[in-house]
Amino acid sequence: MENQLKYNIAKMKADIKVRAEEQVMLKNQRKSVHIIGERKVSASDAAYKHYVNKSDLRIMYAAYGLARGKSFSQTENKFEEHNHPLLVVFKRSIDRILESYVMPVEVPVQE
């Protein structure tokens, strides 16, 4: 048996969904006057968490795309591949996220 490394795409997708749902809630909580529903977080805390969550989600979407075999320009097609900001600025963060979703899979060796 040989160990091969694969990404746990289902867990990654579930974590992205949880973050995206939290993002929707935080967007409403950022409002200081015309809030819908009751306040759960202060407006300034919601704004800060929304900002941090937004950048984390961008990195998670890029890692999800790489795990599925997509390039950066296919994930975010605003930029060309050779000078994509995800490749230049966020590569270390994307690699860190991908490492956290690695799962070993045993593959039988054919002789």
C-alpha atoms as a PDB file:
ATOM      1  CA  MET A   1       0.000   0.000   0.000  1.00  0.00           C
ATOM      2  CA  GLU A   2       1.230   3.425  -0.914  1.00  0.00           C
ATOM      3  CA  ASN A   3       0.002   6.642   0.682  1.00  0.00           C
ATOM      4  CA  GLN A   4      -1.194   9.365  -1.619  1.00  0.00           C
ATOM      5  CA  LEU A   5      -2.234  12.832  -0.505  1.00  0.00           C
ATOM      6  CA  LYS A   6      -5.621  14.229  -1.510  1.00  0.00           C
ATOM      7  CA  TYR A   7      -7.562  17.256  -0.372  1.00  0.00           C
ATOM      8  CA  ASN A   8     -10.741  16.889   1.655  1.00  0.00           C
ATOM      9  CA  ILE A   9     -12.821  18.986  -0.730  1.00  0.00           C
ATOM     10  CA  ALA A  10     -16.141  18.223   0.986  1.00  0.00           C
ATOM     11  CA  LYS A  11     -14.893  19.586   4.332  1.00  0.00           C
ATOM     12  CA  MET A  12     -13.380  22.602   2.584  1.00  0.00           C
ATOM     13  CA  LYS A  13     -16.685  23.318   0.832  1.00  0.00           C
ATOM     14  CA  ALA A  14     -18.622  22.970   4.101  1.00  0.00           C
ATOM     15  CA  ASP A  15     -16.267  25.404   5.866  1.00  0.00           C
ATOM     16  CA  ILE A  16     -16.670  27.910   3.022  1.00  0.00           C
ATOM     17  CA  LYS A  17     -20.465  27.633   3.310  1.00  0.00           C
ATOM     18  CA  VAL A  18     -20.342  28.304   7.056  1.00  0.00           C
ATOM     19  CA  ARG A  19     -18.150  31.365   6.518  1.00  0.00           C
ATOM     20  CA  ALA A  20     -20.386  32.647   3.704  1.00  0.00           C
ATOM     21  CA  GLU A  21     -23.495  32.350   5.894  1.00  0.00           C
ATOM     22  CA  GLU A  22     -21.701  34.211   8.678  1.00  0.00           C
ATOM     23  CA  GLN A  23     -20.773  36.885   6.140  1.00  0.00           C
ATOM     24  CA  VAL A  24     -24.448  37.475   5.289  1.00  0.00           C
ATOM     25  CA  MET A  25     -25.314  37.865   8.965  1.00  0.00           C
ATOM     26  CA  LEU A  26     -22.400  40.253   9.537  1.00  0.00           C
ATOM     27  CA  LYS A  27     -23.385  42.377   6.553  1.00  0.00           C
ATOM     28  CA  ASN A  28     -26.725  43.151   8.172  1.00  0.00           C
ATOM     29  CA  GLN A  29     -25.144  43.709  11.601  1.00  0.00           C
ATOM     30  CA  ARG A  30     -22.783  46.366  10.184  1.00  0.00           C
ATOM     31  CA  LYS A  31     -25.707  48.747   9.742  1.00  0.00           C
ATOM     32  CA  SER A  32     -26.089  51.259  12.517  1.00  0.00           C
ATOM     33  CA  VAL A  33     -29.529  52.681  11.670  1.00  0.00           C
ATOM     34  CA  HIS A  34     -31.596  50.487   9.329  1.00  0.00           C
ATOM     35  CA  ILE A  35     -30.863  47.072  10.804  1.00  0.00           C
ATOM     36  CA  ILE A  36     -33.215  44.186  10.008  1.00  0.00           C
ATOM     37  CA  GLY A  37     -33.913  42.013  13.061  1.00  0.00           C
ATOM     38  CA  GLU A  38     -32.197  42.359  16.415  1.00  0.00           C
ATOM     39  CA  ARG A  39     -28.590  43.308  17.036  1.00  0.00           C
ATOM     40  CA  LYS A  40     -26.287  40.429  18.010  1.00  0.00           C
ATOM     41  CA  VAL A  41     -22.921  42.162  17.518  1.00  0.00           C
ATOM     42  CA  SER A  42     -21.969  45.823  17.727  1.00  0.00           C
ATOM     43  CA  ALA A  43     -21.722  47.597  14.366  1.00  0.00           C
ATOM     44  CA  SER A  44     -17.987  48.221  14.661  1.00  0.00           C
ATOM     45  CA  ASP A  45     -17.242  44.589  15.613  1.00  0.00           C
ATOM     46  CA  ALA A  46     -19.424  43.356  12.753  1.00  0.00           C
ATOM     47  CA  ALA A  47     -17.622  45.637  10.297  1.00  0.00           C
ATOM     48  CA  TYR A  48     -14.215  44.389  11.449  1.00  0.00           C
ATOM     49  CA  LYS A  49     -15.255  40.710  11.372  1.00  0.00           C
ATOM     50  CA  HIS A  50     -16.819  41.229   7.926  1.00  0.00           C
ATOM     51  CA  TYR A  51     -13.556  42.691   6.600  1.00  0.00           C
ATOM     52  CA  VAL A  52     -11.411  39.867   8.015  1.00  0.00           C
ATOM     53  CA  ASN A  53     -13.896  37.218   6.899  1.00  0.00           C
ATOM     54  CA  LYS A  54     -13.937  38.680   3.368  1.00  0.00           C
ATOM     55  CA  SER A  55     -10.198  38.284   2.896  1.00  0.00           C
ATOM     56  CA  ASP A  56     -10.235  34.811   4.468  1.00  0.00           C
ATOM     57  CA  LEU A  57     -13.041  33.730   2.140  1.00  0.00           C
ATOM     58  CA  ARG A  58     -11.120  34.979  -0.881  1.00  0.00           C
ATOM     59  CA  ILE A  59      -8.134  32.857   0.117  1.00  0.00           C
ATOM     60  CA  MET A  60     -10.366  29.859   0.879  1.00  0.00           C
ATOM     61  CA  TYR A  61     -12.064  30.122  -2.535  1.00  0.00           C
ATOM     62  CA  ALA A  62      -8.639  30.216  -4.200  1.00  0.00           C
ATOM     63  CA  ALA A  63      -7.484  27.161  -2.218  1.00  0.00           C
ATOM     64  CA  TYR A  64     -10.714  25.352  -3.111  1.00  0.00           C
ATOM     65  CA  GLY A  65     -10.143  26.122  -6.785  1.00  0.00           C
ATOM     66  CA  LEU A  66      -6.556  24.855  -6.642  1.00  0.00           C
ATOM     67  CA  ALA A  67      -7.672  21.680  -4.879  1.00  0.00           C
ATOM     68  CA  ARG A  68     -10.100  21.064  -7.729  1.00  0.00           C
ATOM     69  CA  GLY A  69      -7.377  21.615 -10.337  1.00  0.00           C
ATOM     70  CA  LYS A  70      -8.288  25.154 -11.415  1.00  0.00           C
ATOM     71  CA  SER A  71      -5.782  27.925 -12.024  1.00  0.00           C
ATOM     72  CA  PHE A  72      -5.884  31.307 -10.300  1.00  0.00           C
ATOM     73  CA  SER A  73      -7.191  33.034 -13.422  1.00  0.00           C
ATOM     74  CA  GLN A  74     -10.077  30.537 -13.569  1.00  0.00           C
ATOM     75  CA  THR A  75     -10.914  31.150  -9.924  1.00  0.00           C
ATOM     76  CA  GLU A  76     -10.793  34.946 -10.241  1.00  0.00           C
ATOM     77  CA  ASN A  77     -10.739  35.952 -13.878  1.00  0.00           C
ATOM     78  CA  LYS A  78     -10.127  39.663 -13.329  1.00  0.00           C
ATOM     79  CA  PHE A  79      -6.379  39.165 -13.741  1.00  0.00           C
ATOM     80  CA  GLU A  80      -4.013  37.252 -16.004  1.00  0.00           C
ATOM     81  CA  GLU A  81      -2.298  34.131 -14.673  1.00  0.00           C
ATOM     82  CA  HIS A  82       1.334  35.299 -14.715  1.00  0.00           C
ATOM     83  CA  ASN A  83       0.827  38.361 -12.466  1.00  0.00           C
ATOM     84  CA  HIS A  84      -2.235  37.318 -10.477  1.00  0.00           C
ATOM     85  CA  PRO A  85      -2.359  38.914  -6.990  1.00  0.00           C
ATOM     86  CA  LEU A  86      -3.335  35.604  -5.391  1.00  0.00           C
ATOM     87  CA  LEU A  87      -0.125  34.091  -6.719  1.00  0.00           C
ATOM     88  CA  VAL A  88       2.033  37.021  -5.692  1.00  0.00           C
ATOM     89  CA  VAL A  89       0.577  38.117  -2.348  1.00  0.00           C
ATOM     90  CA  PHE A  90      -1.465  35.248  -0.895  1.00  0.00           C
ATOM     91  CA  LYS A  91       0.469  32.135  -2.017  1.00  0.00           C
ATOM     92  CA  ARG A  92       1.743  31.311   1.486  1.00  0.00           C
ATOM     93  CA  SER A  93      -1.729  31.653   3.027  1.00  0.00           C
ATOM     94  CA  ILE A  94      -3.263  29.491   0.310  1.00  0.00           C
ATOM     95  CA  ASP A  95      -0.622  26.803   0.853  1.00  0.00           C
ATOM     96  CA  ARG A  96      -1.280  26.892   4.612  1.00  0.00           C
ATOM     97  CA  ILE A  97      -5.003  26.371   4.062  1.00  0.00           C
ATOM     98  CA  LEU A  98      -4.394  23.551   1.587  1.00  0.00           C
ATOM     99  CA  GLU A  99      -2.114  21.813   4.105  1.00  0.00           C
ATOM    100  CA  SER A 100      -4.877  21.862   6.705  1.00  0.00           C
ATOM    101  CA  TYR A 101      -7.233  19.960   4.361  1.00  0.00           C
ATOM    102  CA  VAL A 102      -4.795  17.228   3.253  1.00  0.00           C
ATOM    103  CA  MET A 103      -5.900  13.673   3.934  1.00  0.00           C
ATOM    104  CA  PRO A 104      -3.790  10.571   3.226  1.00  0.00           C
ATOM    105  CA  VAL A 105      -5.349   7.935   0.992  1.00  0.00           C
ATOM    106  CA  GLU A 106      -3.948   4.431   0.692  1.00  0.00           C
ATOM    107  CA  VAL A 107      -3.581   3.242  -2.890  1.00  0.00           C
ATOM    108  CA  PRO A 108      -2.625  -0.362  -3.716  1.00  0.00           C
ATOM    109  CA  VAL A 109       0.667  -0.676  -5.567  1.00  0.00           C
ATOM    110  CA  GLN A 110       0.552  -2.641  -8.809  1.00  0.00           C
ATOM    111  CA  GLU A 111       3.649  -4.689  -9.516  1.00  0.00           C
END
